[in-house]
PDB file of N, CA and C in Angstrom:
ATOM      1  N   UNK A   1      71.097 154.503  42.875  1.00  0.00           N
ATOM      2  CA  UNK A   1      70.233 153.920  41.861  1.00  0.00           C
ATOM      3  C   UNK A   1      71.026 152.944  41.006  1.00  0.00           C
ATOM      4  N   UNK A   2      70.437 151.845  40.690  1.00  0.00           N
ATOM      5  CA  UNK A   2      71.045 150.851  39.829  1.00  0.00           C
ATOM      6  C   UNK A   2      70.951 151.330  38.386  1.00  0.00           C
ATOM      7  N   UNK A   3      72.091 151.505  37.747  1.00  0.00           N
ATOM      8  CA  UNK A   3      72.127 152.014  36.383  1.00  0.00           C
ATOM      9  C   UNK A   3      71.472 151.081  35.379  1.00  0.00           C
ATOM     10  N   UNK A   4      71.358 149.811  35.709  1.00  0.00           N
ATOM     11  CA  UNK A   4      70.731 148.869  34.779  1.00  0.00           C
ATOM     12  C   UNK A   4      69.252 149.167  34.545  1.00  0.00           C
ATOM     13  N   UNK A   5      68.641 149.897  35.441  1.00  0.00           N
ATOM     14  CA  UNK A   5      67.216 150.192  35.298  1.00  0.00           C
ATOM     15  C   UNK A   5      66.956 151.464  34.487  1.00  0.00           C
ATOM     16  N   UNK A   6      68.007 152.148  34.042  1.00  0.00           N
ATOM     17  CA  UNK A   6      67.853 153.416  33.324  1.00  0.00           C
ATOM     18  C   UNK A   6      67.522 153.190  31.850  1.00  0.00           C
ATOM     19  N   UNK A   7      66.362 153.646  31.464  1.00  0.00           N
ATOM     20  CA  UNK A   7      65.919 153.517  30.082  1.00  0.00           C
ATOM     21  C   UNK A   7      66.814 154.322  29.131  1.00  0.00           C
ATOM     22  N   UNK A   8      67.374 155.433  29.620  1.00  0.00           N
ATOM     23  CA  UNK A   8      68.223 156.270  28.782  1.00  0.00           C
ATOM     24  C   UNK A   8      69.523 155.571  28.372  1.00  0.00           C
ATOM     25  N   UNK A   9      69.950 154.587  29.127  1.00  0.00           N
ATOM     26  CA  UNK A   9      71.170 153.844  28.801  1.00  0.00           C
ATOM     27  C   UNK A   9      70.886 152.594  27.975  1.00  0.00           C
ATOM     28  N   UNK A  10      69.790 151.942  28.270  1.00  0.00           N
ATOM     29  CA  UNK A  10      69.503 150.644  27.654  1.00  0.00           C
ATOM     30  C   UNK A  10      68.133 150.661  26.983  1.00  0.00           C
ATOM     31  N   UNK A  11      67.962 151.602  26.066  1.00  0.00           N
ATOM     32  CA  UNK A  11      66.689 151.816  25.391  1.00  0.00           C
ATOM     33  C   UNK A  11      66.337 150.707  24.408  1.00  0.00           C
ATOM     34  N   UNK A  12      67.333 149.972  23.935  1.00  0.00           N
ATOM     35  CA  UNK A  12      67.116 149.019  22.860  1.00  0.00           C
ATOM     36  C   UNK A  12      67.183 147.554  23.295  1.00  0.00           C
ATOM     37  N   UNK A  13      67.292 147.317  24.586  1.00  0.00           N
ATOM     38  CA  UNK A  13      67.374 145.945  25.094  1.00  0.00           C
ATOM     39  C   UNK A  13      66.410 145.772  26.263  1.00  0.00           C
ATOM     40  N   UNK A  14      66.114 144.538  26.586  1.00  0.00           N
ATOM     41  CA  UNK A  14      65.279 144.229  27.751  1.00  0.00           C
ATOM     42  C   UNK A  14      66.158 144.371  28.991  1.00  0.00           C
ATOM     43  N   UNK A  15      65.963 145.459  29.730  1.00  0.00           N
ATOM     44  CA  UNK A  15      66.808 145.737  30.891  1.00  0.00           C
ATOM     45  C   UNK A  15      66.701 144.646  31.956  1.00  0.00           C
ATOM     46  N   UNK A  16      65.577 143.972  32.015  1.00  0.00           N
ATOM     47  CA  UNK A  16      65.394 142.912  32.998  1.00  0.00           C
ATOM     48  C   UNK A  16      66.270 141.695  32.747  1.00  0.00           C
ATOM     49  N   UNK A  17      66.759 141.559  31.523  1.00  0.00           N
ATOM     50  CA  UNK A  17      67.596 140.408  31.178  1.00  0.00           C
ATOM     51  C   UNK A  17      69.086 140.706  31.261  1.00  0.00           C
ATOM     52  N   UNK A  18      69.451 141.958  31.526  1.00  0.00           N
ATOM     53  CA  UNK A  18      70.870 142.292  31.644  1.00  0.00           C
ATOM     54  C   UNK A  18      71.442 141.764  32.948  1.00  0.00           C
ATOM     55  N   UNK A  19      72.628 141.218  32.858  1.00  0.00           N
ATOM     56  CA  UNK A  19      73.307 140.672  34.027  1.00  0.00           C
ATOM     57  C   UNK A  19      74.731 141.230  34.080  1.00  0.00           C
ATOM     58  N   UNK A  20      75.107 141.881  35.188  1.00  0.00           N
ATOM     59  CA  UNK A  20      76.481 142.390  35.289  1.00  0.00           C
ATOM     60  C   UNK A  20      77.537 141.291  35.133  1.00  0.00           C
ATOM     61  N   UNK A  21      77.230 140.085  35.509  1.00  0.00           N
ATOM     62  CA  UNK A  21      78.181 138.985  35.399  1.00  0.00           C
ATOM     63  C   UNK A  21      78.385 138.558  33.951  1.00  0.00           C
ATOM     64  N   UNK A  22      77.313 138.521  33.165  1.00  0.00           N
ATOM     65  CA  UNK A  22      77.402 138.050  31.781  1.00  0.00           C
ATOM     66  C   UNK A  22      77.570 139.174  30.775  1.00  0.00           C
ATOM     67  N   UNK A  23      76.988 140.320  31.020  1.00  0.00           N
ATOM     68  CA  UNK A  23      76.929 141.403  30.042  1.00  0.00           C
ATOM     69  C   UNK A  23      77.808 142.594  30.416  1.00  0.00           C
ATOM     70  N   UNK A  24      78.849 142.351  31.194  1.00  0.00           N
ATOM     71  CA  UNK A  24      79.665 143.447  31.718  1.00  0.00           C
ATOM     72  C   UNK A  24      80.249 144.319  30.620  1.00  0.00           C
ATOM     73  N   UNK A  25      80.713 143.740  29.520  1.00  0.00           N
ATOM     74  CA  UNK A  25      81.325 144.514  28.440  1.00  0.00           C
ATOM     75  C   UNK A  25      80.320 145.506  27.843  1.00  0.00           C
ATOM     76  N   UNK A  26      79.146 145.026  27.522  1.00  0.00           N
ATOM     77  CA  UNK A  26      78.089 145.858  26.947  1.00  0.00           C
ATOM     78  C   UNK A  26      77.660 146.955  27.921  1.00  0.00           C
ATOM     79  N   UNK A  27      77.489 146.607  29.160  1.00  0.00           N
ATOM     80  CA  UNK A  27      77.050 147.567  30.184  1.00  0.00           C
ATOM     81  C   UNK A  27      78.094 148.666  30.371  1.00  0.00           C
ATOM     82  N   UNK A  28      79.350 148.284  30.463  1.00  0.00           N
ATOM     83  CA  UNK A  28      80.419 149.267  30.651  1.00  0.00           C
ATOM     84  C   UNK A  28      80.501 150.210  29.451  1.00  0.00           C
ATOM     85  N   UNK A  29      80.411 149.665  28.249  1.00  0.00           N
ATOM     86  CA  UNK A  29      80.421 150.521  27.050  1.00  0.00           C
ATOM     87  C   UNK A  29      79.313 151.560  27.093  1.00  0.00           C
ATOM     88  N   UNK A  30      78.115 151.122  27.411  1.00  0.00           N
ATOM     89  CA  UNK A  30      76.973 152.037  27.440  1.00  0.00           C
ATOM     90  C   UNK A  30      77.140 153.109  28.506  1.00  0.00           C
ATOM     91  N   UNK A  31      77.608 152.725  29.668  1.00  0.00           N
ATOM     92  CA  UNK A  31      77.790 153.705  30.744  1.00  0.00           C
ATOM     93  C   UNK A  31      78.861 154.722  30.370  1.00  0.00           C
ATOM     94  N   UNK A  32      79.976 154.247  29.827  1.00  0.00           N
ATOM     95  CA  UNK A  32      81.037 155.179  29.453  1.00  0.00           C
ATOM     96  C   UNK A  32      80.574 156.135  28.352  1.00  0.00           C
ATOM     97  N   UNK A  33      79.830 155.639  27.397  1.00  0.00           N
ATOM     98  CA  UNK A  33      79.436 156.469  26.258  1.00  0.00           C
ATOM     99  C   UNK A  33      78.233 157.365  26.550  1.00  0.00           C
ATOM    100  N   UNK A  34      77.272 156.874  27.324  1.00  0.00           N
ATOM    101  CA  UNK A  34      76.015 157.606  27.496  1.00  0.00           C
ATOM    102  C   UNK A  34      75.651 157.931  28.941  1.00  0.00           C
ATOM    103  N   UNK A  35      76.417 157.442  29.895  1.00  0.00           N
ATOM    104  CA  UNK A  35      76.055 157.603  31.299  1.00  0.00           C
ATOM    105  C   UNK A  35      76.438 158.945  31.884  1.00  0.00           C
ATOM    106  N   UNK A  36      75.904 159.199  33.073  1.00  0.00           N
ATOM    107  CA  UNK A  36      76.258 160.406  33.821  1.00  0.00           C
ATOM    108  C   UNK A  36      77.184 160.009  34.973  1.00  0.00           C
ATOM    109  N   UNK A  37      77.530 160.957  35.810  1.00  0.00           N
ATOM    110  CA  UNK A  37      78.495 160.689  36.880  1.00  0.00           C
ATOM    111  C   UNK A  37      77.989 159.613  37.849  1.00  0.00           C
ATOM    112  N   UNK A  38      76.692 159.595  38.116  1.00  0.00           N
ATOM    113  CA  UNK A  38      76.143 158.559  38.998  1.00  0.00           C
ATOM    114  C   UNK A  38      76.313 157.172  38.387  1.00  0.00           C
ATOM    115  N   UNK A  39      76.150 157.076  37.075  1.00  0.00           N
ATOM    116  CA  UNK A  39      76.336 155.791  36.398  1.00  0.00           C
ATOM    117  C   UNK A  39      77.794 155.349  36.458  1.00  0.00           C
ATOM    118  N   UNK A  40      78.709 156.291  36.278  1.00  0.00           N
ATOM    119  CA  UNK A  40      80.137 155.964  36.340  1.00  0.00           C
ATOM    120  C   UNK A  40      80.510 155.505  37.746  1.00  0.00           C
ATOM    121  N   UNK A  41      79.995 156.175  38.753  1.00  0.00           N
ATOM    122  CA  UNK A  41      80.270 155.756  40.135  1.00  0.00           C
ATOM    123  C   UNK A  41      79.706 154.363  40.402  1.00  0.00           C
ATOM    124  N   UNK A  42      78.506 154.085  39.902  1.00  0.00           N
ATOM    125  CA  UNK A  42      77.919 152.748  40.046  1.00  0.00           C
ATOM    126  C   UNK A  42      78.795 151.728  39.332  1.00  0.00           C
ATOM    127  N   UNK A  43      79.238 152.049  38.109  1.00  0.00           N
ATOM    128  CA  UNK A  43      80.088 151.150  37.332  1.00  0.00           C
ATOM    129  C   UNK A  43      81.371 150.833  38.099  1.00  0.00           C
ATOM    130  N   UNK A  44      82.001 151.862  38.669  1.00  0.00           N
ATOM    131  CA  UNK A  44      83.248 151.652  39.399  1.00  0.00           C
ATOM    132  C   UNK A  44      83.069 150.801  40.648  1.00  0.00           C
ATOM    133  N   UNK A  45      81.890 150.878  41.255  1.00  0.00           N
ATOM    134  CA  UNK A  45      81.648 150.066  42.450  1.00  0.00           C
ATOM    135  C   UNK A  45      81.159 148.652  42.114  1.00  0.00           C
ATOM    136  N   UNK A  46      80.756 148.441  40.870  1.00  0.00           N
ATOM    137  CA  UNK A  46      80.184 147.156  40.461  1.00  0.00           C
ATOM    138  C   UNK A  46      81.183 146.273  39.725  1.00  0.00           C
ATOM    139  N   UNK A  47      82.018 146.876  38.899  1.00  0.00           N
ATOM    140  CA  UNK A  47      82.921 146.105  38.041  1.00  0.00           C
ATOM    141  C   UNK A  47      84.376 146.298  38.456  1.00  0.00           C
ATOM    142  N   UNK A  48      85.180 145.239  38.340  1.00  0.00           N
ATOM    143  CA  UNK A  48      86.612 145.379  38.623  1.00  0.00           C
ATOM    144  C   UNK A  48      87.262 146.336  37.614  1.00  0.00           C
ATOM    145  N   UNK A  49      88.241 147.051  38.050  1.00  0.00           N
ATOM    146  CA  UNK A  49      88.945 148.005  37.180  1.00  0.00           C
ATOM    147  C   UNK A  49      89.473 147.316  35.917  1.00  0.00           C
ATOM    148  N   UNK A  50      89.901 146.085  36.049  1.00  0.00           N
ATOM    149  CA  UNK A  50      90.424 145.334  34.904  1.00  0.00           C
ATOM    150  C   UNK A  50      89.371 145.191  33.800  1.00  0.00           C
ATOM    151  N   UNK A  51      88.119 144.929  34.168  1.00  0.00           N
ATOM    152  CA  UNK A  51      87.060 144.801  33.170  1.00  0.00           C
ATOM    153  C   UNK A  51      86.802 146.140  32.482  1.00  0.00           C
ATOM    154  N   UNK A  52      86.851 147.224  33.232  1.00  0.00           N
ATOM    155  CA  UNK A  52      86.647 148.552  32.646  1.00  0.00           C
ATOM    156  C   UNK A  52      87.786 148.854  31.680  1.00  0.00           C
ATOM    157  N   UNK A  53      89.013 148.604  32.094  1.00  0.00           N
ATOM    158  CA  UNK A  53      90.180 148.843  31.253  1.00  0.00           C
ATOM    159  C   UNK A  53      90.135 147.991  29.993  1.00  0.00           C
ATOM    160  N   UNK A  54      89.787 146.722  30.119  1.00  0.00           N
ATOM    161  CA  UNK A  54      89.681 145.838  28.955  1.00  0.00           C
ATOM    162  C   UNK A  54      88.632 146.339  27.977  1.00  0.00           C
ATOM    163  N   UNK A  55      87.518 146.811  28.496  1.00  0.00           N
ATOM    164  CA  UNK A  55      86.457 147.332  27.632  1.00  0.00           C
ATOM    165  C   UNK A  55      86.940 148.545  26.858  1.00  0.00           C
ATOM    166  N   UNK A  56      87.615 149.461  27.532  1.00  0.00           N
ATOM    167  CA  UNK A  56      88.125 150.666  26.869  1.00  0.00           C
ATOM    168  C   UNK A  56      89.122 150.279  25.776  1.00  0.00           C
ATOM    169  N   UNK A  57      89.999 149.346  26.046  1.00  0.00           N
ATOM    170  CA  UNK A  57      91.017 148.935  25.074  1.00  0.00           C
ATOM    171  C   UNK A  57      90.418 148.246  23.854  1.00  0.00           C
ATOM    172  N   UNK A  58      89.366 147.445  24.050  1.00  0.00           N
ATOM    173  CA  UNK A  58      88.834 146.615  22.981  1.00  0.00           C
ATOM    174  C   UNK A  58      87.621 147.196  22.258  1.00  0.00           C
ATOM    175  N   UNK A  59      86.949 148.156  22.850  1.00  0.00           N
ATOM    176  CA  UNK A  59      85.713 148.676  22.270  1.00  0.00           C
ATOM    177  C   UNK A  59      85.951 149.379  20.940  1.00  0.00           C
ATOM    178  N   UNK A  60      85.019 149.162  20.023  1.00  0.00           N
ATOM    179  CA  UNK A  60      85.062 149.831  18.730  1.00  0.00           C
ATOM    180  C   UNK A  60      84.033 150.948  18.626  1.00  0.00           C
ATOM    181  N   UNK A  61      83.207 151.107  19.669  1.00  0.00           N
ATOM    182  CA  UNK A  61      82.138 152.110  19.575  1.00  0.00           C
ATOM    183  C   UNK A  61      82.394 153.363  20.405  1.00  0.00           C
ATOM    184  N   UNK A  62      83.384 153.357  21.268  1.00  0.00           N
ATOM    185  CA  UNK A  62      83.611 154.518  22.121  1.00  0.00           C
ATOM    186  C   UNK A  62      84.125 155.697  21.299  1.00  0.00           C
ATOM    187  N   UNK A  63      83.553 156.852  21.540  1.00  0.00           N
ATOM    188  CA  UNK A  63      83.932 158.065  20.814  1.00  0.00           C
ATOM    189  C   UNK A  63      85.301 158.563  21.265  1.00  0.00           C
ATOM    190  N   UNK A  64      85.867 159.486  20.487  1.00  0.00           N
ATOM    191  CA  UNK A  64      87.150 160.088  20.868  1.00  0.00           C
ATOM    192  C   UNK A  64      87.028 160.817  22.197  1.00  0.00           C
ATOM    193  N   UNK A  65      85.897 161.467  22.392  1.00  0.00           N
ATOM    194  CA  UNK A  65      85.663 162.194  23.652  1.00  0.00           C
ATOM    195  C   UNK A  65      85.662 161.223  24.833  1.00  0.00           C
ATOM    196  N   UNK A  66      84.989 160.103  24.683  1.00  0.00           N
ATOM    197  CA  UNK A  66      84.935 159.108  25.753  1.00  0.00           C
ATOM    198  C   UNK A  66      86.315 158.515  26.003  1.00  0.00           C
ATOM    199  N   UNK A  67      87.043 158.232  24.942  1.00  0.00           N
ATOM    200  CA  UNK A  67      88.406 157.693  25.094  1.00  0.00           C
ATOM    201  C   UNK A  67      89.313 158.693  25.814  1.00  0.00           C
ATOM    202  N   UNK A  68      89.141 159.985  25.527  1.00  0.00           N
ATOM    203  CA  UNK A  68      89.925 161.015  26.217  1.00  0.00           C
ATOM    204  C   UNK A  68      89.602 161.023  27.706  1.00  0.00           C
ATOM    205  N   UNK A  69      88.311 160.911  28.035  1.00  0.00           N
ATOM    206  CA  UNK A  69      87.909 160.834  29.453  1.00  0.00           C
ATOM    207  C   UNK A  69      88.548 159.606  30.104  1.00  0.00           C
ATOM    208  N   UNK A  70      88.465 158.475  29.426  1.00  0.00           N
ATOM    209  CA  UNK A  70      89.003 157.228  29.986  1.00  0.00           C
ATOM    210  C   UNK A  70      90.504 157.325  30.229  1.00  0.00           C
ATOM    211  N   UNK A  71      91.197 158.003  29.331  1.00  0.00           N
ATOM    212  CA  UNK A  71      92.636 158.186  29.524  1.00  0.00           C
ATOM    213  C   UNK A  71      92.888 159.057  30.743  1.00  0.00           C
ATOM    214  N   UNK A  72      92.132 160.139  30.877  1.00  0.00           N
ATOM    215  CA  UNK A  72      92.300 161.031  32.031  1.00  0.00           C
ATOM    216  C   UNK A  72      91.922 160.353  33.341  1.00  0.00           C
ATOM    217  N   UNK A  73      90.954 159.427  33.269  1.00  0.00           N
ATOM    218  CA  UNK A  73      90.492 158.723  34.469  1.00  0.00           C
ATOM    219  C   UNK A  73      91.393 157.532  34.809  1.00  0.00           C
ATOM    220  N   UNK A  74      92.335 157.224  33.931  1.00  0.00           N
ATOM    221  CA  UNK A  74      93.271 156.146  34.211  1.00  0.00           C
ATOM    222  C   UNK A  74      92.822 154.780  33.723  1.00  0.00           C
ATOM    223  N   UNK A  75      91.815 154.735  32.849  1.00  0.00           N
ATOM    224  CA  UNK A  75      91.350 153.459  32.315  1.00  0.00           C
ATOM    225  C   UNK A  75      92.087 153.058  31.048  1.00  0.00           C
ATOM    226  N   UNK A  76      92.827 153.991  30.482  1.00  0.00           N
ATOM    227  CA  UNK A  76      93.580 153.709  29.253  1.00  0.00           C
ATOM    228  C   UNK A  76      94.885 154.470  29.306  1.00  0.00           C
ATOM    229  N   UNK A  77      95.854 153.978  28.563  1.00  0.00           N
ATOM    230  CA  UNK A  77      97.137 154.675  28.550  1.00  0.00           C
ATOM    231  C   UNK A  77      97.369 155.375  27.232  1.00  0.00           C
TER     232      UNK A  77
END
């Protein structure tokens, strides 16, 4: 399933206008913070690891719990 179509992740935006090429930072943040394992697997197959790592390093909205997961998953040091 394409995670972009999930209302639970993108409740406040027009999901039809989201583009992985243009909105990758926003999409990755939402998946890391609110997604399930299927969303994370979709994210990993859709976005380069560098974009995921950059998002984790620069994001101001990711919770401590999410940052801990990202460190364990190898997205942050």
